[in-house]
Amino acid sequence: HSHAEFERKMIQEIDSSRMDREDAERKLEVASKSVSKLRAEFQELEAKRKSSEEYLQRVMDGHQKEISRIEALIARQVRQRNALSEKLTLAAKRSQQSAKRESALANIQAEKAGLTYATESLAGIEDEINEVQSRLDDMNDRCMDQQKLSKRMAELADRFGARGVQTFVLQNVVDVLQACSQTYLDDL
């Protein structure tokens, strides 16, 4: 009688262990599917990160070209201003040396007109510089956003990479198997 009861108990334990094992296999299959899905999402995020980095590089290249253009424009305006300044100095010297006051006044008026033109041109350039600076600030803000996104993508890659999810799933399976085995050993 006790042998039959022991045998029946053993069969129940084996059936219970088999059901636990099948349950663990189902959970492992679900976890494997989740890992596959997460890997696909990770690859998609990685592609987006790479695209963002490429876009950022293109934007920065565009900024650099725009800055070079503005610097060349500023240099040209400085040369023009220097040339105008030299002309103004020359006009002042001519007016001091000239015997005719009317001729000296005409030269001064011409130089003043040139200076006004240069001043107006300089004001226009300053407006352009301010506009470009505003665009540069906007682009820098976008660059910072892209860098934050890139950092976030890298963190997600670390958290949902192959090692992180696989370790989590395997640890759960080991825990279930240990619990089942311990119950079986306790009964023996």
N, C-alpha and C. Protein backbone atom coordinates (compact mmCIF):
# COMPACT_ATOMS: atom_id res chain seq x y z
N HIS A 1 0.83 -1.19 0.00
CA HIS A 1 0.00 0.00 0.00
C HIS A 1 0.88 1.26 0.00
N SER A 2 1.90 1.34 0.82
CA SER A 2 2.75 2.51 0.88
C SER A 2 3.58 2.65 -0.39
N HIS A 3 3.96 1.52 -1.00
CA HIS A 3 4.69 1.56 -2.27
C HIS A 3 3.80 2.15 -3.38
N ALA A 4 2.57 1.75 -3.46
CA ALA A 4 1.64 2.25 -4.47
C ALA A 4 1.38 3.74 -4.24
N GLU A 5 1.26 4.11 -2.96
CA GLU A 5 1.03 5.52 -2.65
C GLU A 5 2.27 6.35 -3.02
N PHE A 6 3.44 5.79 -2.72
CA PHE A 6 4.68 6.47 -3.09
C PHE A 6 4.79 6.61 -4.60
N GLU A 7 4.43 5.53 -5.30
CA GLU A 7 4.49 5.54 -6.76
C GLU A 7 3.50 6.57 -7.32
N ARG A 8 2.29 6.63 -6.77
CA ARG A 8 1.29 7.59 -7.20
C ARG A 8 1.79 9.03 -6.95
N LYS A 9 2.40 9.25 -5.80
CA LYS A 9 2.95 10.55 -5.46
C LYS A 9 4.08 10.95 -6.42
N MET A 10 4.90 9.98 -6.77
CA MET A 10 6.01 10.21 -7.72
C MET A 10 5.44 10.60 -9.09
N ILE A 11 4.40 9.89 -9.52
CA ILE A 11 3.78 10.19 -10.82
C ILE A 11 3.19 11.60 -10.80
N GLN A 12 2.54 11.95 -9.68
CA GLN A 12 1.98 13.30 -9.56
C GLN A 12 3.10 14.35 -9.62
N GLU A 13 4.20 14.07 -8.92
CA GLU A 13 5.32 15.00 -8.92
C GLU A 13 5.91 15.14 -10.33
N ILE A 14 6.04 14.01 -11.01
CA ILE A 14 6.58 14.03 -12.37
C ILE A 14 5.64 14.81 -13.28
N ASP A 15 4.33 14.55 -13.16
CA ASP A 15 3.36 15.28 -13.97
C ASP A 15 3.41 16.78 -13.65
N SER A 16 3.52 17.09 -12.36
CA SER A 16 3.60 18.50 -11.95
C SER A 16 4.87 19.15 -12.50
N SER A 17 5.98 18.41 -12.41
CA SER A 17 7.25 18.93 -12.94
C SER A 17 7.16 19.11 -14.45
N ARG A 18 6.51 18.15 -15.13
CA ARG A 18 6.36 18.24 -16.58
C ARG A 18 5.51 19.47 -16.93
N MET A 19 4.43 19.69 -16.19
CA MET A 19 3.58 20.85 -16.45
C MET A 19 4.35 22.16 -16.19
N ASP A 20 5.15 22.16 -15.10
CA ASP A 20 5.95 23.34 -14.80
C ASP A 20 6.99 23.59 -15.90
N ARG A 21 7.56 22.49 -16.37
CA ARG A 21 8.55 22.61 -17.44
C ARG A 21 7.87 23.14 -18.71
N GLU A 22 6.70 22.61 -19.05
CA GLU A 22 5.98 23.07 -20.23
C GLU A 22 5.59 24.54 -20.09
N ASP A 23 5.17 24.90 -18.88
CA ASP A 23 4.83 26.29 -18.61
C ASP A 23 6.07 27.18 -18.78
N ALA A 24 7.20 26.72 -18.26
CA ALA A 24 8.45 27.47 -18.41
C ALA A 24 8.84 27.57 -19.86
N GLU A 25 8.63 26.51 -20.64
CA GLU A 25 8.95 26.54 -22.07
C GLU A 25 8.05 27.55 -22.79
N ARG A 26 6.77 27.60 -22.42
CA ARG A 26 5.87 28.58 -23.03
C ARG A 26 6.32 30.01 -22.69
N LYS A 27 6.70 30.19 -21.42
CA LYS A 27 7.17 31.52 -21.01
C LYS A 27 8.45 31.89 -21.75
N LEU A 28 9.33 30.90 -21.92
CA LEU A 28 10.57 31.13 -22.65
C LEU A 28 10.28 31.50 -24.09
N GLU A 29 9.30 30.85 -24.70
CA GLU A 29 8.93 31.14 -26.09
C GLU A 29 8.38 32.57 -26.20
N VAL A 30 7.52 32.95 -25.24
CA VAL A 30 6.97 34.30 -25.24
C VAL A 30 8.11 35.32 -25.04
N ALA A 31 9.02 35.01 -24.13
CA ALA A 31 10.14 35.92 -23.89
C ALA A 31 11.03 36.02 -25.12
N SER A 32 11.23 34.90 -25.81
CA SER A 32 12.05 34.92 -27.03
C SER A 32 11.41 35.81 -28.09
N LYS A 33 10.08 35.72 -28.22
CA LYS A 33 9.39 36.57 -29.17
C LYS A 33 9.53 38.05 -28.78
N SER A 34 9.45 38.30 -27.47
CA SER A 34 9.61 39.67 -26.99
C SER A 34 11.02 40.18 -27.30
N VAL A 35 12.00 39.32 -27.10
CA VAL A 35 13.38 39.70 -27.39
C VAL A 35 13.53 40.01 -28.88
N SER A 36 12.94 39.20 -29.73
CA SER A 36 13.02 39.45 -31.18
C SER A 36 12.38 40.79 -31.53
N LYS A 37 11.22 41.04 -30.93
CA LYS A 37 10.54 42.30 -31.19
C LYS A 37 11.40 43.48 -30.70
N LEU A 38 11.98 43.33 -29.51
CA LEU A 38 12.82 44.40 -28.96
C LEU A 38 14.06 44.61 -29.82
N ARG A 39 14.62 43.54 -30.34
CA ARG A 39 15.78 43.67 -31.22
C ARG A 39 15.39 44.45 -32.49
N ALA A 40 14.22 44.13 -33.04
CA ALA A 40 13.76 44.84 -34.23
C ALA A 40 13.56 46.32 -33.91
N GLU A 41 12.97 46.60 -32.76
CA GLU A 41 12.77 47.99 -32.34
C GLU A 41 14.12 48.67 -32.13
N PHE A 42 15.06 47.93 -31.54
CA PHE A 42 16.39 48.48 -31.32
C PHE A 42 17.05 48.82 -32.64
N GLN A 43 16.94 47.94 -33.62
CA GLN A 43 17.53 48.20 -34.92
C GLN A 43 16.88 49.43 -35.57
N GLU A 44 15.58 49.54 -35.41
CA GLU A 44 14.88 50.70 -35.95
C GLU A 44 15.36 51.98 -35.27
N LEU A 45 15.50 51.93 -33.93
CA LEU A 45 15.99 53.09 -33.19
C LEU A 45 17.43 53.43 -33.59
N GLU A 46 18.23 52.39 -33.78
CA GLU A 46 19.61 52.60 -34.20
C GLU A 46 19.66 53.28 -35.56
N ALA A 47 18.78 52.86 -36.48
CA ALA A 47 18.71 53.48 -37.81
C ALA A 47 18.29 54.95 -37.67
N LYS A 48 17.33 55.23 -36.80
CA LYS A 48 16.89 56.61 -36.59
C LYS A 48 18.03 57.44 -36.00
N ARG A 49 18.78 56.84 -35.06
CA ARG A 49 19.90 57.55 -34.45
C ARG A 49 20.94 57.89 -35.52
N LYS A 50 21.24 56.93 -36.36
CA LYS A 50 22.22 57.16 -37.41
C LYS A 50 21.74 58.24 -38.37
N SER A 51 20.45 58.17 -38.72
CA SER A 51 19.87 59.18 -39.60
C SER A 51 19.95 60.56 -38.95
N SER A 52 19.68 60.62 -37.64
CA SER A 52 19.75 61.89 -36.92
C SER A 52 21.18 62.42 -36.92
N GLU A 53 22.14 61.54 -36.72
CA GLU A 53 23.54 61.97 -36.73
C GLU A 53 23.93 62.50 -38.12
N GLU A 54 23.47 61.83 -39.17
CA GLU A 54 23.77 62.28 -40.53
C GLU A 54 23.13 63.65 -40.79
N TYR A 55 21.88 63.79 -40.35
CA TYR A 55 21.19 65.07 -40.50
C TYR A 55 21.94 66.17 -39.74
N LEU A 56 22.37 65.85 -38.53
CA LEU A 56 23.10 66.81 -37.71
C LEU A 56 24.39 67.22 -38.43
N GLN A 57 25.08 66.28 -39.02
CA GLN A 57 26.31 66.59 -39.75
C GLN A 57 26.02 67.51 -40.93
N ARG A 58 24.93 67.20 -41.66
CA ARG A 58 24.57 68.05 -42.79
C ARG A 58 24.25 69.47 -42.31
N VAL A 59 23.51 69.57 -41.21
CA VAL A 59 23.15 70.89 -40.67
C VAL A 59 24.41 71.64 -40.25
N MET A 60 25.32 70.93 -39.58
CA MET A 60 26.54 71.59 -39.12
C MET A 60 27.40 72.02 -40.32
N ASP A 61 27.45 71.19 -41.38
CA ASP A 61 28.17 71.58 -42.59
C ASP A 61 27.55 72.83 -43.19
N GLY A 62 26.23 72.87 -43.23
CA GLY A 62 25.53 74.05 -43.74
C GLY A 62 25.83 75.28 -42.90
N HIS A 63 25.87 75.10 -41.58
CA HIS A 63 26.21 76.21 -40.68
C HIS A 63 27.61 76.72 -40.98
N GLN A 64 28.51 75.78 -41.17
CA GLN A 64 29.90 76.18 -41.41
C GLN A 64 30.01 76.97 -42.71
N LYS A 65 29.30 76.52 -43.76
CA LYS A 65 29.33 77.25 -45.02
C LYS A 65 28.74 78.65 -44.84
N GLU A 66 27.63 78.72 -44.10
CA GLU A 66 26.98 80.01 -43.86
C GLU A 66 27.90 80.94 -43.06
N ILE A 67 28.57 80.38 -42.07
CA ILE A 67 29.50 81.19 -41.27
C ILE A 67 30.65 81.68 -42.14
N SER A 68 31.18 80.81 -43.00
CA SER A 68 32.27 81.22 -43.90
C SER A 68 31.81 82.33 -44.83
N ARG A 69 30.59 82.20 -45.35
CA ARG A 69 30.05 83.24 -46.23
C ARG A 69 29.93 84.57 -45.48
N ILE A 70 29.43 84.52 -44.26
CA ILE A 70 29.26 85.74 -43.47
C ILE A 70 30.62 86.36 -43.13
N GLU A 71 31.59 85.51 -42.78
CA GLU A 71 32.92 86.03 -42.47
C GLU A 71 33.53 86.72 -43.69
N ALA A 72 33.36 86.11 -44.88
CA ALA A 72 33.86 86.74 -46.11
C ALA A 72 33.15 88.07 -46.35
N LEU A 73 31.84 88.11 -46.11
CA LEU A 73 31.07 89.33 -46.29
C LEU A 73 31.55 90.41 -45.31
N ILE A 74 31.80 90.01 -44.07
CA ILE A 74 32.29 90.96 -43.06
C ILE A 74 33.67 91.48 -43.46
N ALA A 75 34.54 90.57 -43.91
CA ALA A 75 35.89 90.99 -44.32
C ALA A 75 35.80 91.99 -45.48
N ARG A 76 34.92 91.72 -46.45
CA ARG A 76 34.75 92.62 -47.57
C ARG A 76 34.26 93.99 -47.09
N GLN A 77 33.30 93.98 -46.18
CA GLN A 77 32.77 95.25 -45.66
C GLN A 77 33.83 96.00 -44.87
N VAL A 78 34.66 95.25 -44.13
CA VAL A 78 35.74 95.92 -43.38
C VAL A 78 36.72 96.57 -44.37
N ARG A 79 37.04 95.83 -45.45
CA ARG A 79 37.94 96.41 -46.45
C ARG A 79 37.31 97.66 -47.07
N GLN A 80 36.02 97.58 -47.37
CA GLN A 80 35.34 98.74 -47.94
C GLN A 80 35.35 99.91 -46.96
N ARG A 81 35.08 99.59 -45.70
CA ARG A 81 35.08 100.64 -44.68
C ARG A 81 36.47 101.24 -44.54
N ASN A 82 37.49 100.38 -44.56
CA ASN A 82 38.87 100.88 -44.46
C ASN A 82 39.20 101.75 -45.68
N ALA A 83 38.76 101.26 -46.85
CA ALA A 83 39.00 102.05 -48.06
C ALA A 83 38.28 103.39 -47.96
N LEU A 84 37.04 103.36 -47.49
CA LEU A 84 36.30 104.61 -47.33
C LEU A 84 36.95 105.50 -46.28
N SER A 85 37.45 104.89 -45.23
CA SER A 85 38.12 105.66 -44.19
C SER A 85 39.38 106.32 -44.75
N GLU A 86 40.11 105.56 -45.57
CA GLU A 86 41.30 106.14 -46.20
C GLU A 86 40.91 107.30 -47.12
N LYS A 87 39.82 107.09 -47.85
CA LYS A 87 39.36 108.16 -48.75
C LYS A 87 38.97 109.40 -47.96
N LEU A 88 38.31 109.18 -46.82
CA LEU A 88 37.90 110.30 -45.98
C LEU A 88 39.12 111.05 -45.45
N THR A 89 40.13 110.31 -45.05
CA THR A 89 41.36 110.94 -44.56
C THR A 89 42.03 111.74 -45.67
N LEU A 90 42.07 111.13 -46.86
CA LEU A 90 42.66 111.82 -48.00
C LEU A 90 41.87 113.10 -48.32
N ALA A 91 40.56 112.98 -48.24
CA ALA A 91 39.72 114.15 -48.52
C ALA A 91 39.98 115.25 -47.50
N ALA A 92 40.17 114.85 -46.25
CA ALA A 92 40.44 115.86 -45.22
C ALA A 92 41.77 116.55 -45.49
N LYS A 93 42.77 115.78 -45.91
CA LYS A 93 44.07 116.39 -46.22
C LYS A 93 43.96 117.32 -47.42
N ARG A 94 43.22 116.85 -48.45
CA ARG A 94 43.04 117.69 -49.63
C ARG A 94 42.34 119.01 -49.28
N SER A 95 41.35 118.89 -48.38
CA SER A 95 40.60 120.10 -48.04
C SER A 95 41.48 121.10 -47.29
N GLN A 96 42.44 120.62 -46.53
CA GLN A 96 43.35 121.52 -45.79
C GLN A 96 44.33 122.17 -46.77
N GLN A 97 44.72 121.40 -47.81
CA GLN A 97 45.72 121.91 -48.74
C GLN A 97 45.09 122.74 -49.85
N SER A 98 43.85 122.54 -50.07
CA SER A 98 43.20 123.20 -51.22
C SER A 98 43.00 124.68 -50.94
N ALA A 99 43.23 125.45 -51.94
CA ALA A 99 43.05 126.90 -51.82
C ALA A 99 41.60 127.26 -52.00
N LYS A 100 40.91 126.39 -52.69
CA LYS A 100 39.53 126.72 -52.98
C LYS A 100 38.62 126.01 -51.98
N ARG A 101 37.90 126.76 -51.27
CA ARG A 101 36.99 126.22 -50.26
C ARG A 101 35.87 125.41 -50.90
N GLU A 102 35.35 125.84 -52.05
CA GLU A 102 34.23 125.15 -52.68
C GLU A 102 34.63 123.75 -53.12
N SER A 103 35.82 123.62 -53.66
CA SER A 103 36.31 122.31 -54.09
C SER A 103 36.46 121.37 -52.89
N ALA A 104 36.98 121.90 -51.78
CA ALA A 104 37.17 121.09 -50.57
C ALA A 104 35.82 120.64 -50.00
N LEU A 105 34.83 121.53 -50.00
CA LEU A 105 33.51 121.18 -49.48
C LEU A 105 32.84 120.10 -50.35
N ALA A 106 33.02 120.19 -51.66
CA ALA A 106 32.44 119.18 -52.56
C ALA A 106 33.06 117.80 -52.28
N ASN A 107 34.38 117.77 -52.07
CA ASN A 107 35.03 116.49 -51.75
C ASN A 107 34.53 115.91 -50.43
N ILE A 108 34.36 116.78 -49.46
CA ILE A 108 33.87 116.32 -48.15
C ILE A 108 32.45 115.76 -48.28
N GLN A 109 31.61 116.43 -49.05
CA GLN A 109 30.24 115.95 -49.23
C GLN A 109 30.24 114.57 -49.92
N ALA A 110 31.10 114.41 -50.88
CA ALA A 110 31.18 113.11 -51.57
C ALA A 110 31.63 112.01 -50.59
N GLU A 111 32.60 112.34 -49.76
CA GLU A 111 33.09 111.35 -48.79
C GLU A 111 32.02 111.04 -47.74
N LYS A 112 31.26 112.03 -47.35
CA LYS A 112 30.17 111.79 -46.40
C LYS A 112 29.11 110.86 -46.99
N ALA A 113 28.82 111.04 -48.25
CA ALA A 113 27.85 110.16 -48.91
C ALA A 113 28.36 108.72 -48.92
N GLY A 114 29.64 108.59 -49.21
CA GLY A 114 30.24 107.24 -49.18
C GLY A 114 30.19 106.63 -47.79
N LEU A 115 30.47 107.43 -46.79
CA LEU A 115 30.42 106.97 -45.41
C LEU A 115 29.00 106.56 -45.02
N THR A 116 28.04 107.36 -45.46
CA THR A 116 26.63 107.02 -45.19
C THR A 116 26.28 105.69 -45.84
N TYR A 117 26.72 105.54 -47.09
CA TYR A 117 26.48 104.27 -47.79
C TYR A 117 27.13 103.11 -47.02
N ALA A 118 28.36 103.33 -46.58
CA ALA A 118 29.07 102.27 -45.83
C ALA A 118 28.36 101.99 -44.52
N THR A 119 27.89 103.02 -43.85
CA THR A 119 27.18 102.85 -42.58
C THR A 119 25.89 102.08 -42.79
N GLU A 120 25.17 102.45 -43.86
CA GLU A 120 23.93 101.73 -44.17
C GLU A 120 24.22 100.27 -44.53
N SER A 121 25.29 100.08 -45.31
CA SER A 121 25.69 98.71 -45.67
C SER A 121 26.06 97.92 -44.42
N LEU A 122 26.79 98.56 -43.53
CA LEU A 122 27.20 97.90 -42.29
C LEU A 122 25.97 97.55 -41.44
N ALA A 123 24.98 98.43 -41.41
CA ALA A 123 23.75 98.15 -40.66
C ALA A 123 23.04 96.94 -41.28
N GLY A 124 23.02 96.89 -42.61
CA GLY A 124 22.42 95.73 -43.29
C GLY A 124 23.16 94.45 -42.96
N ILE A 125 24.47 94.53 -42.93
CA ILE A 125 25.29 93.35 -42.60
C ILE A 125 25.04 92.92 -41.16
N GLU A 126 24.94 93.90 -40.27
CA GLU A 126 24.66 93.57 -38.87
C GLU A 126 23.31 92.87 -38.74
N ASP A 127 22.32 93.33 -39.51
CA ASP A 127 21.01 92.64 -39.52
C ASP A 127 21.16 91.21 -40.00
N GLU A 128 21.93 91.03 -41.08
CA GLU A 128 22.16 89.67 -41.59
C GLU A 128 22.87 88.82 -40.55
N ILE A 129 23.85 89.39 -39.88
CA ILE A 129 24.59 88.65 -38.84
C ILE A 129 23.64 88.25 -37.73
N ASN A 130 22.78 89.17 -37.31
CA ASN A 130 21.81 88.85 -36.25
C ASN A 130 20.87 87.73 -36.68
N GLU A 131 20.42 87.79 -37.94
CA GLU A 131 19.53 86.75 -38.46
C GLU A 131 20.24 85.40 -38.51
N VAL A 132 21.47 85.42 -38.99
CA VAL A 132 22.25 84.17 -39.06
C VAL A 132 22.53 83.65 -37.65
N GLN A 133 22.81 84.55 -36.72
CA GLN A 133 23.05 84.11 -35.33
C GLN A 133 21.80 83.46 -34.76
N SER A 134 20.64 84.04 -35.07
CA SER A 134 19.38 83.45 -34.62
C SER A 134 19.19 82.06 -35.20
N ARG A 135 19.46 81.94 -36.52
CA ARG A 135 19.35 80.61 -37.14
C ARG A 135 20.36 79.64 -36.54
N LEU A 136 21.57 80.14 -36.27
CA LEU A 136 22.60 79.30 -35.67
C LEU A 136 22.17 78.83 -34.29
N ASP A 137 21.57 79.73 -33.51
CA ASP A 137 21.06 79.35 -32.18
C ASP A 137 19.99 78.28 -32.30
N ASP A 138 19.07 78.46 -33.27
CA ASP A 138 18.02 77.46 -33.49
C ASP A 138 18.64 76.12 -33.88
N MET A 139 19.61 76.17 -34.75
CA MET A 139 20.24 74.93 -35.19
C MET A 139 21.02 74.27 -34.05
N ASN A 140 21.64 75.09 -33.20
CA ASN A 140 22.33 74.53 -32.04
C ASN A 140 21.35 73.86 -31.09
N ASP A 141 20.16 74.49 -30.94
CA ASP A 141 19.13 73.87 -30.10
C ASP A 141 18.71 72.52 -30.68
N ARG A 142 18.53 72.50 -32.02
CA ARG A 142 18.18 71.22 -32.66
C ARG A 142 19.30 70.21 -32.50
N CYS A 143 20.52 70.68 -32.57
CA CYS A 143 21.68 69.80 -32.40
C CYS A 143 21.67 69.19 -31.00
N MET A 144 21.38 70.03 -29.99
CA MET A 144 21.31 69.53 -28.60
C MET A 144 20.19 68.49 -28.47
N ASP A 145 19.04 68.76 -29.11
CA ASP A 145 17.93 67.80 -29.07
C ASP A 145 18.35 66.49 -29.70
N GLN A 146 19.06 66.57 -30.83
CA GLN A 146 19.49 65.35 -31.52
C GLN A 146 20.51 64.59 -30.66
N GLN A 147 21.37 65.32 -29.95
CA GLN A 147 22.34 64.66 -29.09
C GLN A 147 21.64 63.97 -27.93
N LYS A 148 20.61 64.62 -27.36
CA LYS A 148 19.84 63.99 -26.29
C LYS A 148 19.14 62.73 -26.79
N LEU A 149 18.58 62.83 -28.00
CA LEU A 149 17.91 61.66 -28.59
C LEU A 149 18.91 60.54 -28.82
N SER A 150 20.09 60.89 -29.29
CA SER A 150 21.14 59.89 -29.54
C SER A 150 21.53 59.21 -28.23
N LYS A 151 21.67 60.01 -27.15
CA LYS A 151 22.03 59.45 -25.84
C LYS A 151 20.93 58.53 -25.35
N ARG A 152 19.68 58.94 -25.54
CA ARG A 152 18.55 58.11 -25.10
C ARG A 152 18.51 56.79 -25.87
N MET A 153 18.78 56.87 -27.18
CA MET A 153 18.81 55.65 -28.00
C MET A 153 19.90 54.70 -27.51
N ALA A 154 21.06 55.27 -27.14
CA ALA A 154 22.16 54.43 -26.65
C ALA A 154 21.77 53.76 -25.33
N GLU A 155 21.07 54.50 -24.46
CA GLU A 155 20.62 53.91 -23.19
C GLU A 155 19.62 52.77 -23.45
N LEU A 156 18.70 52.99 -24.39
CA LEU A 156 17.74 51.93 -24.73
C LEU A 156 18.46 50.72 -25.31
N ALA A 157 19.48 50.98 -26.08
CA ALA A 157 20.24 49.88 -26.67
C ALA A 157 20.89 49.04 -25.57
N ASP A 158 21.42 49.72 -24.54
CA ASP A 158 22.04 48.99 -23.43
C ASP A 158 21.00 48.21 -22.63
N ARG A 159 19.84 48.80 -22.43
CA ARG A 159 18.82 48.15 -21.61
C ARG A 159 18.10 47.02 -22.32
N PHE A 160 17.88 47.21 -23.62
CA PHE A 160 17.13 46.20 -24.36
C PHE A 160 18.01 45.43 -25.33
N GLY A 161 19.31 45.49 -25.14
CA GLY A 161 20.23 44.73 -25.98
C GLY A 161 20.13 43.24 -25.67
N ALA A 162 20.88 42.45 -26.40
CA ALA A 162 20.82 40.98 -26.28
C ALA A 162 21.16 40.52 -24.87
N ARG A 163 22.15 41.11 -24.23
CA ARG A 163 22.57 40.64 -22.91
C ARG A 163 21.55 40.95 -21.83
N GLY A 164 20.94 42.14 -21.85
CA GLY A 164 20.02 42.54 -20.79
C GLY A 164 18.77 41.68 -20.73
N VAL A 165 18.06 41.51 -21.84
CA VAL A 165 16.79 40.76 -21.87
C VAL A 165 17.06 39.28 -21.70
N GLN A 166 18.09 38.75 -22.35
CA GLN A 166 18.39 37.31 -22.27
C GLN A 166 18.70 36.93 -20.83
N THR A 167 19.48 37.71 -20.12
CA THR A 167 19.81 37.42 -18.73
C THR A 167 18.55 37.41 -17.88
N PHE A 168 17.65 38.36 -18.11
CA PHE A 168 16.41 38.44 -17.35
C PHE A 168 15.56 37.18 -17.57
N VAL A 169 15.42 36.76 -18.80
CA VAL A 169 14.58 35.59 -19.12
C VAL A 169 15.20 34.33 -18.54
N LEU A 170 16.49 34.13 -18.72
CA LEU A 170 17.15 32.92 -18.21
C LEU A 170 17.10 32.86 -16.69
N GLN A 171 17.23 33.97 -16.02
CA GLN A 171 17.19 33.98 -14.55
C GLN A 171 15.81 33.52 -14.07
N ASN A 172 14.74 33.94 -14.74
CA ASN A 172 13.39 33.51 -14.37
C ASN A 172 13.22 32.01 -14.57
N VAL A 173 13.76 31.47 -15.63
CA VAL A 173 13.65 30.04 -15.90
C VAL A 173 14.42 29.25 -14.85
N VAL A 174 15.62 29.72 -14.49
CA VAL A 174 16.43 29.04 -13.47
C VAL A 174 15.69 29.04 -12.14
N ASP A 175 15.08 30.16 -11.79
CA ASP A 175 14.33 30.25 -10.52
C ASP A 175 13.18 29.24 -10.48
N VAL A 176 12.44 29.13 -11.57
CA VAL A 176 11.31 28.18 -11.64
C VAL A 176 11.82 26.75 -11.51
N LEU A 177 12.88 26.42 -12.22
CA LEU A 177 13.43 25.06 -12.16
C LEU A 177 13.96 24.73 -10.76
N GLN A 178 14.59 25.69 -10.10
CA GLN A 178 15.09 25.46 -8.75
C GLN A 178 13.92 25.19 -7.79
N ALA A 179 12.86 25.96 -7.92
CA ALA A 179 11.71 25.78 -7.05
C ALA A 179 11.09 24.39 -7.25
N CYS A 180 10.96 23.97 -8.50
CA CYS A 180 10.39 22.65 -8.79
C CYS A 180 11.28 21.54 -8.26
N SER A 181 12.57 21.69 -8.49
CA SER A 181 13.51 20.66 -8.05
C SER A 181 13.52 20.57 -6.53
N GLN A 182 13.48 21.71 -5.84
CA GLN A 182 13.51 21.71 -4.39
C GLN A 182 12.27 21.01 -3.82
N THR A 183 11.13 21.25 -4.41
CA THR A 183 9.89 20.60 -3.96
C THR A 183 10.02 19.08 -4.12
N TYR A 184 10.56 18.67 -5.23
CA TYR A 184 10.72 17.25 -5.50
C TYR A 184 11.70 16.64 -4.49
N LEU A 185 12.82 17.34 -4.23
CA LEU A 185 13.81 16.84 -3.28
C LEU A 185 13.23 16.79 -1.85
N ASP A 186 12.43 17.78 -1.52
CA ASP A 186 11.83 17.78 -0.18
C ASP A 186 10.92 16.57 0.03
N ASP A 187 10.19 16.21 -1.03
CA ASP A 187 9.29 15.05 -0.93
C ASP A 187 10.06 13.74 -0.85
N LEU A 188 11.22 13.68 -1.44
CA LEU A 188 12.04 12.46 -1.40
C LEU A 188 12.65 12.33 -0.03
